[in-house]
Amino acid sequence: MARDITATTQSKVETALHTPEKTTFNMTLASMPIACRDKFKRLKVEGKVSGSFNAYLRQAVIDKLKVDDI
């Protein structure tokens, strides 16, 4: 059974070209202790850390994976 050949619309081409590959995923930390958030806020006020708590956690995971993947 043969398929019909149809023209590709410009919008389909543009969508394919501008849709990034999925290289990240979202994960929640449902049981993160409140004390960790409070400590991060204190360190941020003291100027010892910067950015968001999410960015801080993401970088911590990346750094830990580098260490463990000797």
N, C-alpha and C. Protein backbone atom coordinates (compact mmCIF):
# COMPACT_ATOMS: atom_id res chain seq x y z
N MET A 1 0.84 -1.17 0.00
CA MET A 1 0.00 0.00 0.00
C MET A 1 0.89 1.24 0.00
N ALA A 2 0.74 2.07 -0.97
CA ALA A 2 1.56 3.26 -1.10
C ALA A 2 0.95 4.43 -0.35
N ARG A 3 1.84 5.29 0.14
CA ARG A 3 1.36 6.50 0.81
C ARG A 3 1.29 7.62 -0.19
N ASP A 4 0.37 8.51 0.03
CA ASP A 4 0.30 9.70 -0.81
C ASP A 4 1.37 10.69 -0.37
N ILE A 5 2.01 11.29 -1.32
CA ILE A 5 3.01 12.31 -1.03
C ILE A 5 2.30 13.65 -1.02
N THR A 6 2.46 14.35 0.09
CA THR A 6 1.84 15.66 0.22
C THR A 6 2.91 16.71 0.49
N ALA A 7 2.60 17.92 0.20
CA ALA A 7 3.54 19.01 0.43
C ALA A 7 3.62 19.31 1.92
N THR A 8 4.82 19.63 2.38
CA THR A 8 5.02 20.03 3.76
C THR A 8 4.80 21.53 3.85
N THR A 9 3.97 21.93 4.79
CA THR A 9 3.69 23.35 4.92
C THR A 9 4.87 24.05 5.59
N GLN A 10 4.99 25.33 5.34
CA GLN A 10 6.08 26.11 5.93
C GLN A 10 6.00 26.12 7.45
N SER A 11 4.80 26.13 8.01
CA SER A 11 4.67 26.16 9.46
C SER A 11 5.20 24.87 10.09
N LYS A 12 5.02 23.72 9.43
CA LYS A 12 5.55 22.47 9.96
C LYS A 12 7.08 22.48 9.93
N VAL A 13 7.63 23.04 8.89
CA VAL A 13 9.09 23.14 8.77
C VAL A 13 9.64 24.05 9.86
N GLU A 14 9.02 25.21 10.04
CA GLU A 14 9.48 26.15 11.06
C GLU A 14 9.36 25.56 12.45
N THR A 15 8.28 24.83 12.71
CA THR A 15 8.11 24.20 14.01
C THR A 15 9.21 23.18 14.26
N ALA A 16 9.53 22.38 13.26
CA ALA A 16 10.57 21.37 13.41
C ALA A 16 11.93 22.01 13.64
N LEU A 17 12.20 23.13 12.98
CA LEU A 17 13.49 23.79 13.11
C LEU A 17 13.65 24.53 14.43
N HIS A 18 12.54 24.99 15.00
CA HIS A 18 12.62 25.83 16.20
C HIS A 18 12.20 25.10 17.47
N THR A 19 11.93 23.81 17.39
CA THR A 19 11.58 23.05 18.57
C THR A 19 12.84 22.40 19.11
N PRO A 20 13.31 22.85 20.28
CA PRO A 20 14.55 22.30 20.81
C PRO A 20 14.36 20.85 21.25
N GLU A 21 15.44 20.10 21.19
CA GLU A 21 15.39 18.74 21.71
C GLU A 21 15.20 18.81 23.21
N LYS A 22 14.50 17.84 23.73
CA LYS A 22 14.28 17.82 25.17
C LYS A 22 15.55 17.33 25.84
N THR A 23 16.23 18.21 26.55
CA THR A 23 17.47 17.86 27.22
C THR A 23 17.39 18.05 28.73
N THR A 24 16.23 18.42 29.22
CA THR A 24 16.06 18.60 30.66
C THR A 24 14.78 17.91 31.10
N PHE A 25 14.66 17.70 32.38
CA PHE A 25 13.44 17.16 32.93
C PHE A 25 13.15 17.86 34.25
N ASN A 26 11.91 17.80 34.68
CA ASN A 26 11.52 18.43 35.94
C ASN A 26 11.34 17.35 36.99
N MET A 27 11.82 17.63 38.17
CA MET A 27 11.67 16.70 39.28
C MET A 27 11.37 17.54 40.51
N THR A 28 10.41 17.12 41.29
CA THR A 28 10.08 17.88 42.50
C THR A 28 10.69 17.21 43.71
N LEU A 29 10.90 18.00 44.73
CA LEU A 29 11.42 17.49 46.00
C LEU A 29 10.33 17.68 47.04
N ALA A 30 9.43 16.73 47.08
CA ALA A 30 8.25 16.85 47.95
C ALA A 30 8.61 16.86 49.42
N SER A 31 9.67 16.19 49.80
CA SER A 31 9.98 16.09 51.23
C SER A 31 11.24 16.86 51.63
N MET A 32 11.52 17.96 50.94
CA MET A 32 12.67 18.80 51.30
C MET A 32 12.38 19.47 52.64
N PRO A 33 13.27 19.32 53.61
CA PRO A 33 13.03 19.93 54.92
C PRO A 33 12.98 21.47 54.83
N ILE A 34 12.09 22.05 55.58
CA ILE A 34 11.95 23.51 55.62
C ILE A 34 13.24 24.16 56.12
N ALA A 35 13.96 23.47 56.99
CA ALA A 35 15.21 24.00 57.52
C ALA A 35 16.21 24.28 56.40
N CYS A 36 16.19 23.47 55.34
CA CYS A 36 17.10 23.70 54.21
C CYS A 36 16.75 25.00 53.50
N ARG A 37 15.47 25.23 53.29
CA ARG A 37 15.04 26.47 52.64
C ARG A 37 15.43 27.67 53.50
N ASP A 38 15.20 27.56 54.80
CA ASP A 38 15.53 28.66 55.70
C ASP A 38 17.03 28.93 55.74
N LYS A 39 17.83 27.87 55.73
CA LYS A 39 19.29 28.04 55.73
C LYS A 39 19.75 28.70 54.43
N PHE A 40 19.14 28.30 53.30
CA PHE A 40 19.49 28.91 52.02
C PHE A 40 19.15 30.40 52.05
N LYS A 41 17.98 30.75 52.58
CA LYS A 41 17.59 32.16 52.65
C LYS A 41 18.58 32.95 53.50
N ARG A 42 19.02 32.37 54.62
CA ARG A 42 19.98 33.05 55.48
C ARG A 42 21.31 33.25 54.76
N LEU A 43 21.79 32.21 54.09
CA LEU A 43 23.04 32.31 53.35
C LEU A 43 22.95 33.34 52.22
N LYS A 44 21.78 33.43 51.62
CA LYS A 44 21.60 34.40 50.54
C LYS A 44 21.65 35.83 51.09
N VAL A 45 21.01 36.06 52.22
CA VAL A 45 21.04 37.38 52.86
C VAL A 45 22.48 37.74 53.24
N GLU A 46 23.24 36.77 53.69
CA GLU A 46 24.63 37.00 54.08
C GLU A 46 25.55 37.13 52.87
N GLY A 47 25.02 36.92 51.66
CA GLY A 47 25.82 37.05 50.45
C GLY A 47 26.71 35.86 50.14
N LYS A 48 26.47 34.74 50.80
CA LYS A 48 27.31 33.56 50.58
C LYS A 48 26.84 32.72 49.39
N VAL A 49 25.60 32.87 49.00
CA VAL A 49 25.07 32.18 47.82
C VAL A 49 24.26 33.20 47.02
N SER A 50 24.02 32.86 45.76
CA SER A 50 23.21 33.75 44.94
C SER A 50 22.26 32.91 44.10
N GLY A 51 21.34 33.56 43.44
CA GLY A 51 20.40 32.85 42.59
C GLY A 51 19.23 32.27 43.37
N SER A 52 18.54 31.35 42.72
CA SER A 52 17.36 30.74 43.34
C SER A 52 17.73 29.42 44.02
N PHE A 53 16.85 28.97 44.87
CA PHE A 53 17.05 27.69 45.56
C PHE A 53 17.06 26.56 44.53
N ASN A 54 16.19 26.65 43.52
CA ASN A 54 16.16 25.62 42.47
C ASN A 54 17.49 25.55 41.73
N ALA A 55 18.04 26.69 41.37
CA ALA A 55 19.32 26.73 40.68
C ALA A 55 20.43 26.17 41.58
N TYR A 56 20.36 26.48 42.85
CA TYR A 56 21.34 25.99 43.82
C TYR A 56 21.28 24.46 43.90
N LEU A 57 20.08 23.91 43.98
CA LEU A 57 19.92 22.46 44.04
C LEU A 57 20.37 21.80 42.74
N ARG A 58 20.01 22.40 41.61
CA ARG A 58 20.41 21.85 40.31
C ARG A 58 21.93 21.78 40.20
N GLN A 59 22.62 22.85 40.59
CA GLN A 59 24.08 22.86 40.53
C GLN A 59 24.68 21.86 41.50
N ALA A 60 24.07 21.70 42.67
CA ALA A 60 24.57 20.72 43.64
C ALA A 60 24.48 19.30 43.08
N VAL A 61 23.40 18.99 42.38
CA VAL A 61 23.25 17.66 41.78
C VAL A 61 24.28 17.47 40.68
N ILE A 62 24.46 18.47 39.83
CA ILE A 62 25.45 18.39 38.75
C ILE A 62 26.85 18.17 39.33
N ASP A 63 27.21 18.93 40.35
CA ASP A 63 28.53 18.80 40.97
C ASP A 63 28.70 17.41 41.59
N LYS A 64 27.69 16.91 42.27
CA LYS A 64 27.76 15.59 42.90
C LYS A 64 27.91 14.50 41.86
N LEU A 65 27.19 14.60 40.76
CA LEU A 65 27.31 13.59 39.70
C LEU A 65 28.72 13.59 39.09
N LYS A 66 29.32 14.76 38.96
CA LYS A 66 30.69 14.84 38.44
C LYS A 66 31.66 14.13 39.38
N VAL A 67 31.49 14.34 40.67
CA VAL A 67 32.37 13.72 41.66
C VAL A 67 32.18 12.20 41.65
N ASP A 68 30.94 11.75 41.61
CA ASP A 68 30.66 10.31 41.68
C ASP A 68 31.01 9.57 40.40
N ASP A 69 31.09 10.27 39.28
CA ASP A 69 31.36 9.63 37.99
C ASP A 69 32.84 9.70 37.67
N ILE A 70 33.65 9.35 38.61
CA ILE A 70 35.10 9.45 38.53
C ILE A 70 35.65 8.98 37.23
